[in-house]
PDB file of N, CA and C in Angstrom:
ATOM      1  N   MET A   1      11.608  11.088   9.207  1.00  0.00           N
ATOM      2  CA  MET A   1      10.361  10.487   8.759  1.00  0.00           C
ATOM      3  C   MET A   1      10.680   9.339   7.805  1.00  0.00           C
ATOM      4  N   ASN A   2      10.088   8.201   8.059  1.00  0.00           N
ATOM      5  CA  ASN A   2      10.252   7.031   7.195  1.00  0.00           C
ATOM      6  C   ASN A   2       9.121   7.005   6.168  1.00  0.00           C
ATOM      7  N   GLU A   3       9.461   6.588   4.968  1.00  0.00           N
ATOM      8  CA  GLU A   3       8.459   6.455   3.911  1.00  0.00           C
ATOM      9  C   GLU A   3       8.553   5.072   3.296  1.00  0.00           C
ATOM     10  N   ALA A   4       7.408   4.594   2.832  1.00  0.00           N
ATOM     11  CA  ALA A   4       7.366   3.336   2.088  1.00  0.00           C
ATOM     12  C   ALA A   4       6.444   3.526   0.897  1.00  0.00           C
ATOM     13  N   TYR A   5       6.841   2.932  -0.206  1.00  0.00           N
ATOM     14  CA  TYR A   5       6.047   2.949  -1.428  1.00  0.00           C
ATOM     15  C   TYR A   5       5.650   1.515  -1.714  1.00  0.00           C
ATOM     16  N   VAL A   6       4.361   1.252  -1.800  1.00  0.00           N
ATOM     17  CA  VAL A   6       3.866  -0.092  -2.047  1.00  0.00           C
ATOM     18  C   VAL A   6       3.166  -0.096  -3.391  1.00  0.00           C
ATOM     19  N   LEU A   7       3.630  -0.954  -4.277  1.00  0.00           N
ATOM     20  CA  LEU A   7       3.088  -1.069  -5.628  1.00  0.00           C
ATOM     21  C   LEU A   7       2.308  -2.368  -5.722  1.00  0.00           C
ATOM     22  N   LEU A   8       1.070  -2.279  -6.204  1.00  0.00           N
ATOM     23  CA  LEU A   8       0.192  -3.442  -6.232  1.00  0.00           C
ATOM     24  C   LEU A   8      -0.282  -3.772  -7.642  1.00  0.00           C
ATOM     25  N   ASN A   9      -0.339  -5.068  -7.929  1.00  0.00           N
ATOM     26  CA  ASN A   9      -1.090  -5.596  -9.065  1.00  0.00           C
ATOM     27  C   ASN A   9      -2.338  -6.214  -8.464  1.00  0.00           C
ATOM     28  N   VAL A  10      -3.488  -5.810  -8.954  1.00  0.00           N
ATOM     29  CA  VAL A  10      -4.743  -6.256  -8.351  1.00  0.00           C
ATOM     30  C   VAL A  10      -5.714  -6.786  -9.399  1.00  0.00           C
ATOM     31  N   ASP A  11      -6.706  -7.555  -8.923  1.00  0.00           N
ATOM     32  CA  ASP A  11      -7.817  -7.954  -9.777  1.00  0.00           C
ATOM     33  C   ASP A  11      -8.652  -6.706 -10.044  1.00  0.00           C
ATOM     34  N   TYR A  12      -8.964  -6.457 -11.301  1.00  0.00           N
ATOM     35  CA  TYR A  12      -9.683  -5.242 -11.674  1.00  0.00           C
ATOM     36  C   TYR A  12     -10.994  -5.096 -10.894  1.00  0.00           C
ATOM     37  N   LYS A  13     -11.708  -6.190 -10.687  1.00  0.00           N
ATOM     38  CA  LYS A  13     -12.989  -6.148  -9.987  1.00  0.00           C
ATOM     39  C   LYS A  13     -12.842  -5.695  -8.532  1.00  0.00           C
ATOM     40  N   GLU A  14     -11.686  -5.896  -7.949  1.00  0.00           N
ATOM     41  CA  GLU A  14     -11.434  -5.575  -6.541  1.00  0.00           C
ATOM     42  C   GLU A  14     -10.765  -4.212  -6.354  1.00  0.00           C
ATOM     43  N   GLN A  15     -10.373  -3.552  -7.433  1.00  0.00           N
ATOM     44  CA  GLN A  15      -9.540  -2.362  -7.351  1.00  0.00           C
ATOM     45  C   GLN A  15     -10.153  -1.249  -6.497  1.00  0.00           C
ATOM     46  N   LYS A  16     -11.397  -0.889  -6.724  1.00  0.00           N
ATOM     47  CA  LYS A  16     -12.027   0.197  -5.963  1.00  0.00           C
ATOM     48  C   LYS A  16     -12.094  -0.137  -4.480  1.00  0.00           C
ATOM     49  N   ASP A  17     -12.413  -1.385  -4.158  1.00  0.00           N
ATOM     50  CA  ASP A  17     -12.494  -1.814  -2.768  1.00  0.00           C
ATOM     51  C   ASP A  17     -11.121  -1.746  -2.086  1.00  0.00           C
ATOM     52  N   ILE A  18     -10.094  -2.173  -2.793  1.00  0.00           N
ATOM     53  CA  ILE A  18      -8.732  -2.131  -2.254  1.00  0.00           C
ATOM     54  C   ILE A  18      -8.311  -0.681  -1.996  1.00  0.00           C
ATOM     55  N   ILE A  19      -8.617   0.214  -2.910  1.00  0.00           N
ATOM     56  CA  ILE A  19      -8.280   1.630  -2.740  1.00  0.00           C
ATOM     57  C   ILE A  19      -8.964   2.197  -1.497  1.00  0.00           C
ATOM     58  N   GLU A  20     -10.239   1.934  -1.337  1.00  0.00           N
ATOM     59  CA  GLU A  20     -10.977   2.461  -0.182  1.00  0.00           C
ATOM     60  C   GLU A  20     -10.444   1.893   1.131  1.00  0.00           C
ATOM     61  N   LYS A  21     -10.144   0.608   1.161  1.00  0.00           N
ATOM     62  CA  LYS A  21      -9.585  -0.005   2.376  1.00  0.00           C
ATOM     63  C   LYS A  21      -8.197   0.554   2.678  1.00  0.00           C
ATOM     64  N   ALA A  22      -7.386   0.746   1.658  1.00  0.00           N
ATOM     65  CA  ALA A  22      -6.021   1.241   1.855  1.00  0.00           C
ATOM     66  C   ALA A  22      -6.023   2.646   2.447  1.00  0.00           C
ATOM     67  N   LYS A  23      -6.962   3.475   2.047  1.00  0.00           N
ATOM     68  CA  LYS A  23      -7.032   4.847   2.555  1.00  0.00           C
ATOM     69  C   LYS A  23      -7.269   4.901   4.064  1.00  0.00           C
ATOM     70  N   LYS A  24      -7.819   3.838   4.629  1.00  0.00           N
ATOM     71  CA  LYS A  24      -8.151   3.794   6.058  1.00  0.00           C
ATOM     72  C   LYS A  24      -7.029   3.213   6.920  1.00  0.00           C
ATOM     73  N   ILE A  25      -5.956   2.746   6.308  1.00  0.00           N
ATOM     74  CA  ILE A  25      -4.857   2.127   7.052  1.00  0.00           C
ATOM     75  C   ILE A  25      -4.025   3.210   7.736  1.00  0.00           C
ATOM     76  N   PRO A  26      -3.721   3.040   9.032  1.00  0.00           N
ATOM     77  CA  PRO A  26      -2.878   4.018   9.725  1.00  0.00           C
ATOM     78  C   PRO A  26      -1.516   4.162   9.044  1.00  0.00           C
ATOM     79  N   GLY A  27      -1.099   5.390   8.841  1.00  0.00           N
ATOM     80  CA  GLY A  27       0.189   5.662   8.215  1.00  0.00           C
ATOM     81  C   GLY A  27       0.121   5.898   6.718  1.00  0.00           C
ATOM     82  N   VAL A  28      -1.020   5.617   6.101  1.00  0.00           N
ATOM     83  CA  VAL A  28      -1.143   5.825   4.654  1.00  0.00           C
ATOM     84  C   VAL A  28      -1.302   7.314   4.380  1.00  0.00           C
ATOM     85  N   LYS A  29      -0.419   7.824   3.554  1.00  0.00           N
ATOM     86  CA  LYS A  29      -0.438   9.240   3.173  1.00  0.00           C
ATOM     87  C   LYS A  29      -1.218   9.445   1.877  1.00  0.00           C
ATOM     88  N   THR A  30      -0.998   8.556   0.904  1.00  0.00           N
ATOM     89  CA  THR A  30      -1.605   8.695  -0.418  1.00  0.00           C
ATOM     90  C   THR A  30      -1.890   7.326  -1.011  1.00  0.00           C
ATOM     91  N   VAL A  31      -2.995   7.232  -1.739  1.00  0.00           N
ATOM     92  CA  VAL A  31      -3.318   6.043  -2.533  1.00  0.00           C
ATOM     93  C   VAL A  31      -3.677   6.540  -3.920  1.00  0.00           C
ATOM     94  N   LYS A  32      -2.985   6.013  -4.934  1.00  0.00           N
ATOM     95  CA  LYS A  32      -3.214   6.469  -6.309  1.00  0.00           C
ATOM     96  C   LYS A  32      -3.380   5.288  -7.256  1.00  0.00           C
ATOM     97  N   THR A  33      -4.242   5.462  -8.231  1.00  0.00           N
ATOM     98  CA  THR A  33      -4.318   4.528  -9.346  1.00  0.00           C
ATOM     99  C   THR A  33      -3.215   4.920 -10.315  1.00  0.00           C
ATOM    100  N   VAL A  34      -2.458   3.938 -10.794  1.00  0.00           N
ATOM    101  CA  VAL A  34      -1.375   4.216 -11.732  1.00  0.00           C
ATOM    102  C   VAL A  34      -1.518   3.313 -12.954  1.00  0.00           C
ATOM    103  N   TYR A  35      -0.907   3.720 -14.045  1.00  0.00           N
ATOM    104  CA  TYR A  35      -0.921   2.943 -15.271  1.00  0.00           C
ATOM    105  C   TYR A  35       0.477   2.408 -15.527  1.00  0.00           C
ATOM    106  N   GLY A  36       0.551   1.260 -16.147  1.00  0.00           N
ATOM    107  CA  GLY A  36       1.838   0.634 -16.422  1.00  0.00           C
ATOM    108  C   GLY A  36       1.843  -0.765 -15.838  1.00  0.00           C
ATOM    109  N   ILE A  37       2.973  -1.153 -15.293  1.00  0.00           N
ATOM    110  CA  ILE A  37       3.128  -2.503 -14.746  1.00  0.00           C
ATOM    111  C   ILE A  37       2.247  -2.708 -13.523  1.00  0.00           C
ATOM    112  N   TYR A  38       2.070  -1.655 -12.718  1.00  0.00           N
ATOM    113  CA  TYR A  38       1.291  -1.750 -11.485  1.00  0.00           C
ATOM    114  C   TYR A  38      -0.048  -1.039 -11.638  1.00  0.00           C
ATOM    115  N   ASP A  39      -0.970  -1.354 -10.726  1.00  0.00           N
ATOM    116  CA  ASP A  39      -2.312  -0.783 -10.766  1.00  0.00           C
ATOM    117  C   ASP A  39      -2.538   0.287  -9.699  1.00  0.00           C
ATOM    118  N   ILE A  40      -1.916   0.091  -8.525  1.00  0.00           N
ATOM    119  CA  ILE A  40      -2.134   0.990  -7.392  1.00  0.00           C
ATOM    120  C   ILE A  40      -0.790   1.306  -6.742  1.00  0.00           C
ATOM    121  N   LEU A  41      -0.620   2.562  -6.324  1.00  0.00           N
ATOM    122  CA  LEU A  41       0.540   3.006  -5.550  1.00  0.00           C
ATOM    123  C   LEU A  41       0.035   3.489  -4.201  1.00  0.00           C
ATOM    124  N   ILE A  42       0.593   2.938  -3.131  1.00  0.00           N
ATOM    125  CA  ILE A  42       0.273   3.378  -1.781  1.00  0.00           C
ATOM    126  C   ILE A  42       1.545   3.976  -1.186  1.00  0.00           C
ATOM    127  N   ILE A  43       1.437   5.198  -0.666  1.00  0.00           N
ATOM    128  CA  ILE A  43       2.570   5.838  -0.004  1.00  0.00           C
ATOM    129  C   ILE A  43       2.254   5.911   1.486  1.00  0.00           C
ATOM    130  N   LEU A  44       3.154   5.318   2.276  1.00  0.00           N
ATOM    131  CA  LEU A  44       3.014   5.351   3.727  1.00  0.00           C
ATOM    132  C   LEU A  44       4.085   6.254   4.305  1.00  0.00           C
ATOM    133  N   GLU A  45       3.755   6.906   5.422  1.00  0.00           N
ATOM    134  CA  GLU A  45       4.705   7.801   6.058  1.00  0.00           C
ATOM    135  C   GLU A  45       4.498   7.738   7.567  1.00  0.00           C
ATOM    136  N   SER A  46       5.606   7.568   8.304  1.00  0.00           N
ATOM    137  CA  SER A  46       5.514   7.512   9.756  1.00  0.00           C
ATOM    138  C   SER A  46       6.897   7.660  10.380  1.00  0.00           C
ATOM    139  N   ASN A  47       6.931   8.202  11.582  1.00  0.00           N
ATOM    140  CA  ASN A  47       8.169   8.211  12.354  1.00  0.00           C
ATOM    141  C   ASN A  47       8.430   6.841  12.960  1.00  0.00           C
ATOM    142  N   ASP A  48       7.395   6.040  13.046  1.00  0.00           N
ATOM    143  CA  ASP A  48       7.464   4.710  13.649  1.00  0.00           C
ATOM    144  C   ASP A  48       7.550   3.639  12.558  1.00  0.00           C
ATOM    145  N   MET A  49       8.731   3.046  12.399  1.00  0.00           N
ATOM    146  CA  MET A  49       8.917   2.020  11.366  1.00  0.00           C
ATOM    147  C   MET A  49       8.009   0.815  11.603  1.00  0.00           C
ATOM    148  N   GLN A  50       7.689   0.521  12.850  1.00  0.00           N
ATOM    149  CA  GLN A  50       6.806  -0.611  13.146  1.00  0.00           C
ATOM    150  C   GLN A  50       5.409  -0.369  12.581  1.00  0.00           C
ATOM    151  N   GLN A  51       4.956   0.876  12.588  1.00  0.00           N
ATOM    152  CA  GLN A  51       3.644   1.189  12.014  1.00  0.00           C
ATOM    153  C   GLN A  51       3.638   0.899  10.511  1.00  0.00           C
ATOM    154  N   ILE A  52       4.709   1.241   9.827  1.00  0.00           N
ATOM    155  CA  ILE A  52       4.818   0.967   8.400  1.00  0.00           C
ATOM    156  C   ILE A  52       4.857  -0.537   8.158  1.00  0.00           C
ATOM    157  N   LYS A  53       5.643  -1.245   8.960  1.00  0.00           N
ATOM    158  CA  LYS A  53       5.749  -2.703   8.819  1.00  0.00           C
ATOM    159  C   LYS A  53       4.393  -3.367   9.042  1.00  0.00           C
ATOM    160  N   THR A  54       3.673  -2.950  10.060  1.00  0.00           N
ATOM    161  CA  THR A  54       2.351  -3.511  10.339  1.00  0.00           C
ATOM    162  C   THR A  54       1.375  -3.199   9.207  1.00  0.00           C
ATOM    163  N   ALA A  55       1.427  -1.984   8.693  1.00  0.00           N
ATOM    164  CA  ALA A  55       0.535  -1.613   7.591  1.00  0.00           C
ATOM    165  C   ALA A  55       0.745  -2.524   6.389  1.00  0.00           C
ATOM    166  N   ILE A  56       2.014  -2.806   6.076  1.00  0.00           N
ATOM    167  CA  ILE A  56       2.316  -3.660   4.920  1.00  0.00           C
ATOM    168  C   ILE A  56       2.032  -5.125   5.225  1.00  0.00           C
ATOM    169  N   ASP A  57       2.601  -5.623   6.332  1.00  0.00           N
ATOM    170  CA  ASP A  57       2.530  -7.062   6.636  1.00  0.00           C
ATOM    171  C   ASP A  57       1.143  -7.540   7.050  1.00  0.00           C
ATOM    172  N   VAL A  58       0.404  -6.700   7.738  1.00  0.00           N
ATOM    173  CA  VAL A  58      -0.904  -7.131   8.247  1.00  0.00           C
ATOM    174  C   VAL A  58      -2.044  -6.597   7.395  1.00  0.00           C
ATOM    175  N   HIS A  59      -2.099  -5.266   7.269  1.00  0.00           N
ATOM    176  CA  HIS A  59      -3.254  -4.653   6.610  1.00  0.00           C
ATOM    177  C   HIS A  59      -3.270  -4.863   5.093  1.00  0.00           C
ATOM    178  N   ILE A  60      -2.171  -4.567   4.435  1.00  0.00           N
ATOM    179  CA  ILE A  60      -2.161  -4.670   2.972  1.00  0.00           C
ATOM    180  C   ILE A  60      -2.102  -6.125   2.523  1.00  0.00           C
ATOM    181  N   HIS A  61      -1.195  -6.905   3.109  1.00  0.00           N
ATOM    182  CA  HIS A  61      -1.110  -8.330   2.730  1.00  0.00           C
ATOM    183  C   HIS A  61      -2.407  -9.069   3.026  1.00  0.00           C
ATOM    184  N   GLY A  62      -3.183  -8.585   3.973  1.00  0.00           N
ATOM    185  CA  GLY A  62      -4.430  -9.246   4.343  1.00  0.00           C
ATOM    186  C   GLY A  62      -5.600  -8.969   3.421  1.00  0.00           C
ATOM    187  N   MET A  63      -5.439  -8.062   2.485  1.00  0.00           N
ATOM    188  CA  MET A  63      -6.535  -7.724   1.569  1.00  0.00           C
ATOM    189  C   MET A  63      -6.675  -8.774   0.467  1.00  0.00           C
ATOM    190  N   SER A  64      -7.914  -9.075   0.129  1.00  0.00           N
ATOM    191  CA  SER A  64      -8.137  -9.991  -0.987  1.00  0.00           C
ATOM    192  C   SER A  64      -8.102  -9.206  -2.292  1.00  0.00           C
ATOM    193  N   GLY A  65      -7.741  -9.880  -3.368  1.00  0.00           N
ATOM    194  CA  GLY A  65      -7.708  -9.254  -4.684  1.00  0.00           C
ATOM    195  C   GLY A  65      -6.346  -8.749  -5.103  1.00  0.00           C
ATOM    196  N   ILE A  66      -5.339  -8.862  -4.226  1.00  0.00           N
ATOM    197  CA  ILE A  66      -3.992  -8.433  -4.575  1.00  0.00           C
ATOM    198  C   ILE A  66      -3.242  -9.618  -5.167  1.00  0.00           C
ATOM    199  N   ASN A  67      -2.754  -9.454  -6.396  1.00  0.00           N
ATOM    200  CA  ASN A  67      -2.022 -10.524  -7.078  1.00  0.00           C
ATOM    201  C   ASN A  67      -0.527 -10.447  -6.829  1.00  0.00           C
ATOM    202  N   ASN A  68      -0.009  -9.234  -6.682  1.00  0.00           N
ATOM    203  CA  ASN A  68       1.429  -9.038  -6.488  1.00  0.00           C
ATOM    204  C   ASN A  68       1.645  -7.752  -5.716  1.00  0.00           C
ATOM    205  N   LEU A  69       2.641  -7.760  -4.828  1.00  0.00           N
ATOM    206  CA  LEU A  69       2.948  -6.589  -4.016  1.00  0.00           C
ATOM    207  C   LEU A  69       4.454  -6.378  -4.019  1.00  0.00           C
ATOM    208  N   THR A  70       4.875  -5.154  -4.302  1.00  0.00           N
ATOM    209  CA  THR A  70       6.276  -4.781  -4.218  1.00  0.00           C
ATOM    210  C   THR A  70       6.374  -3.596  -3.275  1.00  0.00           C
ATOM    211  N   SER A  71       7.240  -3.699  -2.273  1.00  0.00           N
ATOM    212  CA  SER A  71       7.396  -2.585  -1.334  1.00  0.00           C
ATOM    213  C   SER A  71       8.808  -2.020  -1.415  1.00  0.00           C
ATOM    214  N   LEU A  72       8.880  -0.702  -1.359  1.00  0.00           N
ATOM    215  CA  LEU A  72      10.133   0.033  -1.353  1.00  0.00           C
ATOM    216  C   LEU A  72      10.130   0.890  -0.109  1.00  0.00           C
ATOM    217  N   ILE A  73      11.051   0.619   0.810  1.00  0.00           N
ATOM    218  CA  ILE A  73      11.056   1.328   2.084  1.00  0.00           C
ATOM    219  C   ILE A  73      12.276   2.247   2.152  1.00  0.00           C
ATOM    220  N   SER A  74      12.016   3.514   2.428  1.00  0.00           N
ATOM    221  CA  SER A  74      13.067   4.517   2.564  1.00  0.00           C
ATOM    222  C   SER A  74      13.237   4.833   4.038  1.00  0.00           C
ATOM    223  N   VAL A  75      14.452   4.678   4.542  1.00  0.00           N
ATOM    224  CA  VAL A  75      14.707   4.944   5.956  1.00  0.00           C
ATOM    225  C   VAL A  75      15.740   6.051   6.064  1.00  0.00           C
ATOM    226  N   ASN A  76      15.418   7.098   6.812  1.00  0.00           N
ATOM    227  CA  ASN A  76      16.352   8.212   7.006  1.00  0.00           C
ATOM    228  C   ASN A  76      17.018   8.093   8.349  1.00  0.00           C
TER     229      ASN A  76
END
């Protein structure tokens, strides 16, 4: 199983909308609000690495209100 952790800095006004949209993305296991340097943590999980890549490159990058995105991909 492949996992990816996506850390987002977002506009505060857009945060709730981004969380709701992220929960609907195929492969998303968890979406959490976090405190510190980042605002949102998205955990993706899939046997298909292409699904994870599409989720990050198309679905997440396509959302408005994201100021910065850092992705950490774990491949087994």
